[in-house]
Structure formats: C-alpha cells, structure tokens
Amino acid sequence: MRNTDQHHTATRLLDVAALRREYGLGRETCYGLIRTLPSLRVGARYLILRDDLERYLEQAAREGRDIRREALAAARAAKDPAGAGGGE
C-alpha cells in the first residue's frame, strides 16, 4: 500500500484517542459512540468510520438530540446488560 493510501485510510478511521482529540469528547462519550455506531475492533482498539460519525452528528444536530446523553446511555447499557446486577 502506498504511503498516501495508508494516510487516507488512517484519516477515515477514528479510534478513541482521535475522537477525543479531534472532537473534544470525553472518554465515556467516545466509548458510547463506538457502541452506537458500526465499529471494528482491532486488537484492543475500536475504530469507527469518520463518515459514519459525521452522518450521525449531522442527524443529531438536525433533530436537536443530546449525543452525550445517548452515548453515555449506550456505554452504561453495555456495562450492565439487561438482567445483570441483582435488580429488585
């Protein structure tokens, strides 16, 4: 793969560090987005496509949604799946 192809691919894929750096999002919000959007796991890293994120953000802005609240709810749901944790 040529160096320019590698760079183009790298800029299309975002990991948690890139999400935090480029979009100013918190760690939990980033992991929530990864659970909300289609993602790819490579070793310990989770990657999402920048295009998927941009579409999600544009739609959320049009609808006036709070992406942080949605992302945190997704992260919490992943940590505590239904039926787990000794409810009432």
PDB file of N, CA and C in Angstrom:
ATOM      1  N   MET A   1       0.842  -1.171   0.000  1.00  0.00           N
ATOM      2  CA  MET A   1       0.000   0.000   0.000  1.00  0.00           C
ATOM      3  C   MET A   1       0.892   1.240   0.000  1.00  0.00           C
ATOM      4  N   ARG A   2       0.577   2.191  -0.815  1.00  0.00           N
ATOM      5  CA  ARG A   2       1.374   3.412  -0.871  1.00  0.00           C
ATOM      6  C   ARG A   2       1.156   4.235   0.394  1.00  0.00           C
ATOM      7  N   ASN A   3       2.121   5.075   0.706  1.00  0.00           N
ATOM      8  CA  ASN A   3       2.043   5.909   1.899  1.00  0.00           C
ATOM      9  C   ASN A   3       0.805   6.810   1.882  1.00  0.00           C
ATOM     10  N   THR A   4       0.459   7.378   0.721  1.00  0.00           N
ATOM     11  CA  THR A   4      -0.719   8.248   0.648  1.00  0.00           C
ATOM     12  C   THR A   4      -1.991   7.451   0.871  1.00  0.00           C
ATOM     13  N   ASP A   5      -2.035   6.198   0.398  1.00  0.00           N
ATOM     14  CA  ASP A   5      -3.201   5.348   0.637  1.00  0.00           C
ATOM     15  C   ASP A   5      -3.342   5.038   2.124  1.00  0.00           C
ATOM     16  N   GLN A   6      -2.218   4.759   2.779  1.00  0.00           N
ATOM     17  CA  GLN A   6      -2.251   4.484   4.214  1.00  0.00           C
ATOM     18  C   GLN A   6      -2.737   5.696   4.987  1.00  0.00           C
ATOM     19  N   HIS A   7      -2.272   6.882   4.596  1.00  0.00           N
ATOM     20  CA  HIS A   7      -2.694   8.106   5.279  1.00  0.00           C
ATOM     21  C   HIS A   7      -4.184   8.333   5.078  1.00  0.00           C
ATOM     22  N   HIS A   8      -4.681   8.127   3.855  1.00  0.00           N
ATOM     23  CA  HIS A   8      -6.103   8.321   3.575  1.00  0.00           C
ATOM     24  C   HIS A   8      -6.948   7.359   4.404  1.00  0.00           C
ATOM     25  N   THR A   9      -6.528   6.103   4.484  1.00  0.00           N
ATOM     26  CA  THR A   9      -7.246   5.118   5.282  1.00  0.00           C
ATOM     27  C   THR A   9      -7.207   5.505   6.753  1.00  0.00           C
ATOM     28  N   ALA A  10      -6.068   5.943   7.229  1.00  0.00           N
ATOM     29  CA  ALA A  10      -5.927   6.317   8.632  1.00  0.00           C
ATOM     30  C   ALA A  10      -6.828   7.490   8.982  1.00  0.00           C
ATOM     31  N   THR A  11      -7.003   8.433   8.079  1.00  0.00           N
ATOM     32  CA  THR A  11      -7.842   9.580   8.392  1.00  0.00           C
ATOM     33  C   THR A  11      -9.322   9.232   8.289  1.00  0.00           C
ATOM     34  N   ARG A  12      -9.660   8.152   7.601  1.00  0.00           N
ATOM     35  CA  ARG A  12     -11.062   7.720   7.502  1.00  0.00           C
ATOM     36  C   ARG A  12     -11.492   6.968   8.743  1.00  0.00           C
ATOM     37  N   LEU A  13     -10.548   6.354   9.440  1.00  0.00           N
ATOM     38  CA  LEU A  13     -10.849   5.575  10.641  1.00  0.00           C
ATOM     39  C   LEU A  13     -10.454   6.365  11.885  1.00  0.00           C
ATOM     40  N   LEU A  14     -11.309   6.322  12.889  1.00  0.00           N
ATOM     41  CA  LEU A  14     -11.041   7.044  14.128  1.00  0.00           C
ATOM     42  C   LEU A  14     -11.058   6.074  15.304  1.00  0.00           C
ATOM     43  N   ASP A  15     -10.075   6.200  16.171  1.00  0.00           N
ATOM     44  CA  ASP A  15     -10.098   5.444  17.421  1.00  0.00           C
ATOM     45  C   ASP A  15     -10.479   6.412  18.542  1.00  0.00           C
ATOM     46  N   VAL A  16     -10.514   5.938  19.763  1.00  0.00           N
ATOM     47  CA  VAL A  16     -10.936   6.771  20.889  1.00  0.00           C
ATOM     48  C   VAL A  16     -10.036   7.998  21.030  1.00  0.00           C
ATOM     49  N   ALA A  17      -8.732   7.809  20.893  1.00  0.00           N
ATOM     50  CA  ALA A  17      -7.807   8.943  21.025  1.00  0.00           C
ATOM     51  C   ALA A  17      -8.095  10.016  19.973  1.00  0.00           C
ATOM     52  N   ALA A  18      -8.363   9.589  18.734  1.00  0.00           N
ATOM     53  CA  ALA A  18      -8.659  10.551  17.669  1.00  0.00           C
ATOM     54  C   ALA A  18      -9.996  11.253  17.919  1.00  0.00           C
ATOM     55  N   LEU A  19     -10.993  10.516  18.379  1.00  0.00           N
ATOM     56  CA  LEU A  19     -12.285  11.130  18.706  1.00  0.00           C
ATOM     57  C   LEU A  19     -12.110  12.191  19.789  1.00  0.00           C
ATOM     58  N   ARG A  20     -11.360  11.871  20.807  1.00  0.00           N
ATOM     59  CA  ARG A  20     -11.142  12.816  21.901  1.00  0.00           C
ATOM     60  C   ARG A  20     -10.385  14.042  21.418  1.00  0.00           C
ATOM     61  N   ARG A  21      -9.351  13.819  20.631  1.00  0.00           N
ATOM     62  CA  ARG A  21      -8.500  14.911  20.161  1.00  0.00           C
ATOM     63  C   ARG A  21      -9.231  15.798  19.154  1.00  0.00           C
ATOM     64  N   GLU A  22      -9.860  15.192  18.162  1.00  0.00           N
ATOM     65  CA  GLU A  22     -10.444  15.964  17.067  1.00  0.00           C
ATOM     66  C   GLU A  22     -11.814  16.551  17.378  1.00  0.00           C
ATOM     67  N   TYR A  23     -12.569  15.886  18.255  1.00  0.00           N
ATOM     68  CA  TYR A  23     -13.934  16.336  18.521  1.00  0.00           C
ATOM     69  C   TYR A  23     -14.120  16.846  19.951  1.00  0.00           C
ATOM     70  N   GLY A  24     -13.087  16.739  20.784  1.00  0.00           N
ATOM     71  CA  GLY A  24     -13.161  17.239  22.147  1.00  0.00           C
ATOM     72  C   GLY A  24     -14.143  16.481  23.026  1.00  0.00           C
ATOM     73  N   LEU A  25     -14.292  15.193  22.763  1.00  0.00           N
ATOM     74  CA  LEU A  25     -15.246  14.375  23.511  1.00  0.00           C
ATOM     75  C   LEU A  25     -14.560  13.665  24.672  1.00  0.00           C
ATOM     76  N   GLY A  26     -15.323  13.378  25.704  1.00  0.00           N
ATOM     77  CA  GLY A  26     -14.806  12.632  26.843  1.00  0.00           C
ATOM     78  C   GLY A  26     -14.671  11.152  26.522  1.00  0.00           C
ATOM     79  N   ARG A  27     -13.915  10.472  27.354  1.00  0.00           N
ATOM     80  CA  ARG A  27     -13.630   9.052  27.132  1.00  0.00           C
ATOM     81  C   ARG A  27     -14.909   8.212  27.100  1.00  0.00           C
ATOM     82  N   GLU A  28     -15.776   8.371  28.101  1.00  0.00           N
ATOM     83  CA  GLU A  28     -17.007   7.581  28.151  1.00  0.00           C
ATOM     84  C   GLU A  28     -17.929   7.904  26.972  1.00  0.00           C
ATOM     85  N   THR A  29     -17.983   9.164  26.586  1.00  0.00           N
ATOM     86  CA  THR A  29     -18.793   9.544  25.421  1.00  0.00           C
ATOM     87  C   THR A  29     -18.271   8.846  24.171  1.00  0.00           C
ATOM     88  N   CYS A  30     -16.961   8.784  24.023  1.00  0.00           N
ATOM     89  CA  CYS A  30     -16.362   8.112  22.860  1.00  0.00           C
ATOM     90  C   CYS A  30     -16.710   6.629  22.831  1.00  0.00           C
ATOM     91  N   TYR A  31     -16.584   5.958  23.977  1.00  0.00           N
ATOM     92  CA  TYR A  31     -16.914   4.535  24.010  1.00  0.00           C
ATOM     93  C   TYR A  31     -18.401   4.311  23.769  1.00  0.00           C
ATOM     94  N   GLY A  32     -19.231   5.231  24.231  1.00  0.00           N
ATOM     95  CA  GLY A  32     -20.660   5.141  23.942  1.00  0.00           C
ATOM     96  C   GLY A  32     -20.949   5.280  22.460  1.00  0.00           C
ATOM     97  N   LEU A  33     -20.253   6.207  21.804  1.00  0.00           N
ATOM     98  CA  LEU A  33     -20.417   6.364  20.355  1.00  0.00           C
ATOM     99  C   LEU A  33     -19.976   5.112  19.622  1.00  0.00           C
ATOM    100  N   ILE A  34     -18.897   4.508  20.085  1.00  0.00           N
ATOM    101  CA  ILE A  34     -18.410   3.276  19.460  1.00  0.00           C
ATOM    102  C   ILE A  34     -19.455   2.174  19.582  1.00  0.00           C
ATOM    103  N   ARG A  35     -20.199   2.154  20.686  1.00  0.00           N
ATOM    104  CA  ARG A  35     -21.262   1.165  20.845  1.00  0.00           C
ATOM    105  C   ARG A  35     -22.509   1.525  20.043  1.00  0.00           C
ATOM    106  N   THR A  36     -22.674   2.802  19.725  1.00  0.00           N
ATOM    107  CA  THR A  36     -23.838   3.273  18.976  1.00  0.00           C
ATOM    108  C   THR A  36     -23.654   3.110  17.472  1.00  0.00           C
ATOM    109  N   LEU A  37     -22.447   3.381  16.992  1.00  0.00           N
ATOM    110  CA  LEU A  37     -22.145   3.344  15.561  1.00  0.00           C
ATOM    111  C   LEU A  37     -21.516   2.005  15.173  1.00  0.00           C
ATOM    112  N   PRO A  38     -21.578   1.669  13.885  1.00  0.00           N
ATOM    113  CA  PRO A  38     -20.846   0.467  13.443  1.00  0.00           C
ATOM    114  C   PRO A  38     -19.357   0.651  13.759  1.00  0.00           C
ATOM    115  N   SER A  39     -18.752  -0.363  14.361  1.00  0.00           N
ATOM    116  CA  SER A  39     -17.343  -0.244  14.730  1.00  0.00           C
ATOM    117  C   SER A  39     -16.599  -1.530  14.400  1.00  0.00           C
ATOM    118  N   LEU A  40     -15.298  -1.404  14.407  1.00  0.00           N
ATOM    119  CA  LEU A  40     -14.396  -2.508  14.107  1.00  0.00           C
ATOM    120  C   LEU A  40     -13.419  -2.611  15.266  1.00  0.00           C
ATOM    121  N   ARG A  41     -13.203  -3.804  15.753  1.00  0.00           N
ATOM    122  CA  ARG A  41     -12.218  -3.995  16.811  1.00  0.00           C
ATOM    123  C   ARG A  41     -10.969  -4.602  16.202  1.00  0.00           C
ATOM    124  N   VAL A  42      -9.840  -3.962  16.461  1.00  0.00           N
ATOM    125  CA  VAL A  42      -8.544  -4.454  16.012  1.00  0.00           C
ATOM    126  C   VAL A  42      -7.669  -4.545  17.250  1.00  0.00           C
ATOM    127  N   GLY A  43      -7.496  -5.764  17.740  1.00  0.00           N
ATOM    128  CA  GLY A  43      -6.770  -5.938  18.997  1.00  0.00           C
ATOM    129  C   GLY A  43      -7.554  -5.275  20.110  1.00  0.00           C
ATOM    130  N   ALA A  44      -6.912  -4.353  20.808  1.00  0.00           N
ATOM    131  CA  ALA A  44      -7.568  -3.637  21.898  1.00  0.00           C
ATOM    132  C   ALA A  44      -8.220  -2.339  21.422  1.00  0.00           C
ATOM    133  N   ARG A  45      -8.024  -1.998  20.160  1.00  0.00           N
ATOM    134  CA  ARG A  45      -8.546  -0.722  19.634  1.00  0.00           C
ATOM    135  C   ARG A  45      -9.894  -0.911  18.963  1.00  0.00           C
ATOM    136  N   TYR A  46     -10.767   0.066  19.169  1.00  0.00           N
ATOM    137  CA  TYR A  46     -12.038   0.127  18.463  1.00  0.00           C
ATOM    138  C   TYR A  46     -11.938   1.265  17.459  1.00  0.00           C
ATOM    139  N   LEU A  47     -12.408   1.016  16.248  1.00  0.00           N
ATOM    140  CA  LEU A  47     -12.349   2.015  15.187  1.00  0.00           C
ATOM    141  C   LEU A  47     -13.737   2.249  14.602  1.00  0.00           C
ATOM    142  N   ILE A  48     -14.033   3.501  14.262  1.00  0.00           N
ATOM    143  CA  ILE A  48     -15.259   3.825  13.547  1.00  0.00           C
ATOM    144  C   ILE A  48     -14.888   4.623  12.317  1.00  0.00           C
ATOM    145  N   LEU A  49     -15.753   4.591  11.328  1.00  0.00           N
ATOM    146  CA  LEU A  49     -15.530   5.381  10.122  1.00  0.00           C
ATOM    147  C   LEU A  49     -15.924   6.833  10.368  1.00  0.00           C
ATOM    148  N   ARG A  50     -15.060   7.734   9.950  1.00  0.00           N
ATOM    149  CA  ARG A  50     -15.339   9.159  10.090  1.00  0.00           C
ATOM    150  C   ARG A  50     -16.662   9.525   9.409  1.00  0.00           C
ATOM    151  N   ASP A  51     -16.926   8.935   8.238  1.00  0.00           N
ATOM    152  CA  ASP A  51     -18.172   9.233   7.523  1.00  0.00           C
ATOM    153  C   ASP A  51     -19.392   8.848   8.347  1.00  0.00           C
ATOM    154  N   ASP A  52     -19.346   7.698   9.033  1.00  0.00           N
ATOM    155  CA  ASP A  52     -20.458   7.277   9.887  1.00  0.00           C
ATOM    156  C   ASP A  52     -20.660   8.277  11.028  1.00  0.00           C
ATOM    157  N   LEU A  53     -19.561   8.711  11.631  1.00  0.00           N
ATOM    158  CA  LEU A  53     -19.651   9.673  12.727  1.00  0.00           C
ATOM    159  C   LEU A  53     -20.231  10.995  12.236  1.00  0.00           C
ATOM    160  N   GLU A  54     -19.748  11.478  11.093  1.00  0.00           N
ATOM    161  CA  GLU A  54     -20.231  12.751  10.555  1.00  0.00           C
ATOM    162  C   GLU A  54     -21.731  12.686  10.252  1.00  0.00           C
ATOM    163  N   ARG A  55     -22.175  11.577   9.668  1.00  0.00           N
ATOM    164  CA  ARG A  55     -23.618  11.415   9.396  1.00  0.00           C
ATOM    165  C   ARG A  55     -24.418  11.425  10.691  1.00  0.00           C
ATOM    166  N   TYR A  56     -23.925  10.709  11.686  1.00  0.00           N
ATOM    167  CA  TYR A  56     -24.590  10.640  12.979  1.00  0.00           C
ATOM    168  C   TYR A  56     -24.683  12.030  13.611  1.00  0.00           C
ATOM    169  N   LEU A  57     -23.583  12.776  13.586  1.00  0.00           N
ATOM    170  CA  LEU A  57     -23.569  14.114  14.170  1.00  0.00           C
ATOM    171  C   LEU A  57     -24.504  15.072  13.435  1.00  0.00           C
ATOM    172  N   GLU A  58     -24.509  14.994  12.106  1.00  0.00           N
ATOM    173  CA  GLU A  58     -25.399  15.858  11.318  1.00  0.00           C
ATOM    174  C   GLU A  58     -26.865  15.568  11.632  1.00  0.00           C
ATOM    175  N   GLN A  59     -27.220  14.289  11.706  1.00  0.00           N
ATOM    176  CA  GLN A  59     -28.602  13.913  12.003  1.00  0.00           C
ATOM    177  C   GLN A  59     -28.976  14.342  13.424  1.00  0.00           C
ATOM    178  N   ALA A  60     -28.083  14.138  14.370  1.00  0.00           N
ATOM    179  CA  ALA A  60     -28.349  14.534  15.751  1.00  0.00           C
ATOM    180  C   ALA A  60     -28.534  16.045  15.858  1.00  0.00           C
ATOM    181  N   ALA A  61     -27.737  16.800  15.114  1.00  0.00           N
ATOM    182  CA  ALA A  61     -27.870  18.263  15.126  1.00  0.00           C
ATOM    183  C   ALA A  61     -29.208  18.689  14.535  1.00  0.00           C
ATOM    184  N   ARG A  62     -29.611  18.067  13.423  1.00  0.00           N
ATOM    185  CA  ARG A  62     -30.907  18.409  12.806  1.00  0.00           C
ATOM    186  C   ARG A  62     -32.065  18.122  13.751  1.00  0.00           C
ATOM    187  N   GLU A  63     -31.947  17.026  14.504  1.00  0.00           N
ATOM    188  CA  GLU A  63     -33.022  16.596  15.398  1.00  0.00           C
ATOM    189  C   GLU A  63     -32.906  17.189  16.798  1.00  0.00           C
ATOM    190  N   GLY A  64     -31.822  17.903  17.061  1.00  0.00           N
ATOM    191  CA  GLY A  64     -31.626  18.521  18.368  1.00  0.00           C
ATOM    192  C   GLY A  64     -31.379  17.527  19.484  1.00  0.00           C
ATOM    193  N   ARG A  65     -30.767  16.396  19.153  1.00  0.00           N
ATOM    194  CA  ARG A  65     -30.520  15.350  20.149  1.00  0.00           C
ATOM    195  C   ARG A  65     -29.249  15.648  20.938  1.00  0.00           C
ATOM    196  N   ASP A  66     -29.203  15.128  22.147  1.00  0.00           N
ATOM    197  CA  ASP A  66     -28.034  15.248  23.015  1.00  0.00           C
ATOM    198  C   ASP A  66     -27.184  13.993  22.832  1.00  0.00           C
ATOM    199  N   ILE A  67     -26.136  14.088  22.020  1.00  0.00           N
ATOM    200  CA  ILE A  67     -25.341  12.891  21.719  1.00  0.00           C
ATOM    201  C   ILE A  67     -24.596  12.390  22.946  1.00  0.00           C
ATOM    202  N   ARG A  68     -24.236  13.277  23.849  1.00  0.00           N
ATOM    203  CA  ARG A  68     -23.532  12.829  25.049  1.00  0.00           C
ATOM    204  C   ARG A  68     -24.449  11.937  25.883  1.00  0.00           C
ATOM    205  N   ARG A  69     -25.683  12.353  26.064  1.00  0.00           N
ATOM    206  CA  ARG A  69     -26.632  11.555  26.840  1.00  0.00           C
ATOM    207  C   ARG A  69     -26.844  10.194  26.183  1.00  0.00           C
ATOM    208  N   GLU A  70     -27.016  10.186  24.854  1.00  0.00           N
ATOM    209  CA  GLU A  70     -27.215   8.921  24.130  1.00  0.00           C
ATOM    210  C   GLU A  70     -25.997   8.017  24.248  1.00  0.00           C
ATOM    211  N   ALA A  71     -24.810   8.603  24.083  1.00  0.00           N
ATOM    212  CA  ALA A  71     -23.575   7.817  24.127  1.00  0.00           C
ATOM    213  C   ALA A  71     -23.352   7.237  25.521  1.00  0.00           C
ATOM    214  N   LEU A  72     -23.602   8.044  26.553  1.00  0.00           N
ATOM    215  CA  LEU A  72     -23.411   7.543  27.915  1.00  0.00           C
ATOM    216  C   LEU A  72     -24.420   6.450  28.248  1.00  0.00           C
ATOM    217  N   ALA A  73     -25.644   6.580  27.751  1.00  0.00           N
ATOM    218  CA  ALA A  73     -26.646   5.527  27.965  1.00  0.00           C
ATOM    219  C   ALA A  73     -26.207   4.230  27.292  1.00  0.00           C
ATOM    220  N   ALA A  74     -25.643   4.337  26.088  1.00  0.00           N
ATOM    221  CA  ALA A  74     -25.154   3.150  25.381  1.00  0.00           C
ATOM    222  C   ALA A  74     -23.985   2.519  26.137  1.00  0.00           C
ATOM    223  N   ALA A  75     -23.101   3.335  26.668  1.00  0.00           N
ATOM    224  CA  ALA A  75     -21.953   2.814  27.422  1.00  0.00           C
ATOM    225  C   ALA A  75     -22.423   2.125  28.697  1.00  0.00           C
ATOM    226  N   ARG A  76     -23.395   2.733  29.393  1.00  0.00           N
ATOM    227  CA  ARG A  76     -23.930   2.116  30.614  1.00  0.00           C
ATOM    228  C   ARG A  76     -24.634   0.799  30.308  1.00  0.00           C
ATOM    229  N   ALA A  77     -25.397   0.767  29.223  1.00  0.00           N
ATOM    230  CA  ALA A  77     -26.112  -0.453  28.840  1.00  0.00           C
ATOM    231  C   ALA A  77     -25.127  -1.580  28.536  1.00  0.00           C
ATOM    232  N   ALA A  78     -24.002  -1.247  27.943  1.00  0.00           N
ATOM    233  CA  ALA A  78     -23.002  -2.264  27.624  1.00  0.00           C
ATOM    234  C   ALA A  78     -22.334  -2.795  28.897  1.00  0.00           C
ATOM    235  N   LYS A  79     -22.179  -1.937  29.896  1.00  0.00           N
ATOM    236  CA  LYS A  79     -21.564  -2.368  31.152  1.00  0.00           C
ATOM    237  C   LYS A  79     -22.523  -3.182  32.009  1.00  0.00           C
ATOM    238  N   ASP A  80     -23.824  -2.885  31.907  1.00  0.00           N
ATOM    239  CA  ASP A  80     -24.826  -3.532  32.748  1.00  0.00           C
ATOM    240  C   ASP A  80     -25.953  -4.063  31.871  1.00  0.00           C
ATOM    241  N   PRO A  81     -25.709  -5.188  31.192  1.00  0.00           N
ATOM    242  CA  PRO A  81     -26.738  -5.718  30.295  1.00  0.00           C
ATOM    243  C   PRO A  81     -28.018  -6.079  31.054  1.00  0.00           C
ATOM    244  N   ALA A  82     -29.129  -6.094  30.347  1.00  0.00           N
ATOM    245  CA  ALA A  82     -30.427  -6.382  30.959  1.00  0.00           C
ATOM    246  C   ALA A  82     -30.365  -7.680  31.743  1.00  0.00           C
ATOM    247  N   GLY A  83     -30.908  -7.615  32.941  1.00  0.00           N
ATOM    248  CA  GLY A  83     -30.954  -8.815  33.766  1.00  0.00           C
ATOM    249  C   GLY A  83     -29.720  -9.033  34.623  1.00  0.00           C
ATOM    250  N   ALA A  84     -28.683  -8.263  34.402  1.00  0.00           N
ATOM    251  CA  ALA A  84     -27.472  -8.429  35.197  1.00  0.00           C
ATOM    252  C   ALA A  84     -27.515  -7.512  36.403  1.00  0.00           C
ATOM    253  N   GLY A  85     -26.838  -7.898  37.431  1.00  0.00           N
ATOM    254  CA  GLY A  85     -26.635  -6.981  38.543  1.00  0.00           C
ATOM    255  C   GLY A  85     -27.669  -7.018  39.645  1.00  0.00           C
ATOM    256  N   GLY A  86     -28.354  -8.082  39.865  1.00  0.00           N
ATOM    257  CA  GLY A  86     -29.207  -8.243  41.032  1.00  0.00           C
ATOM    258  C   GLY A  86     -30.214  -7.140  41.269  1.00  0.00           C
ATOM    259  N   GLY A  87     -31.065  -6.915  40.309  1.00  0.00           N
ATOM    260  CA  GLY A  87     -32.111  -5.904  40.462  1.00  0.00           C
ATOM    261  C   GLY A  87     -33.111  -6.323  41.524  1.00  0.00           C
ATOM    262  N   GLU A  88     -34.262  -5.670  41.518  1.00  0.00           N
ATOM    263  CA  GLU A  88     -35.287  -5.922  42.541  1.00  0.00           C
ATOM    264  C   GLU A  88     -35.918  -7.266  42.427  1.00  0.00           C
TER     265      GLU A  88
END
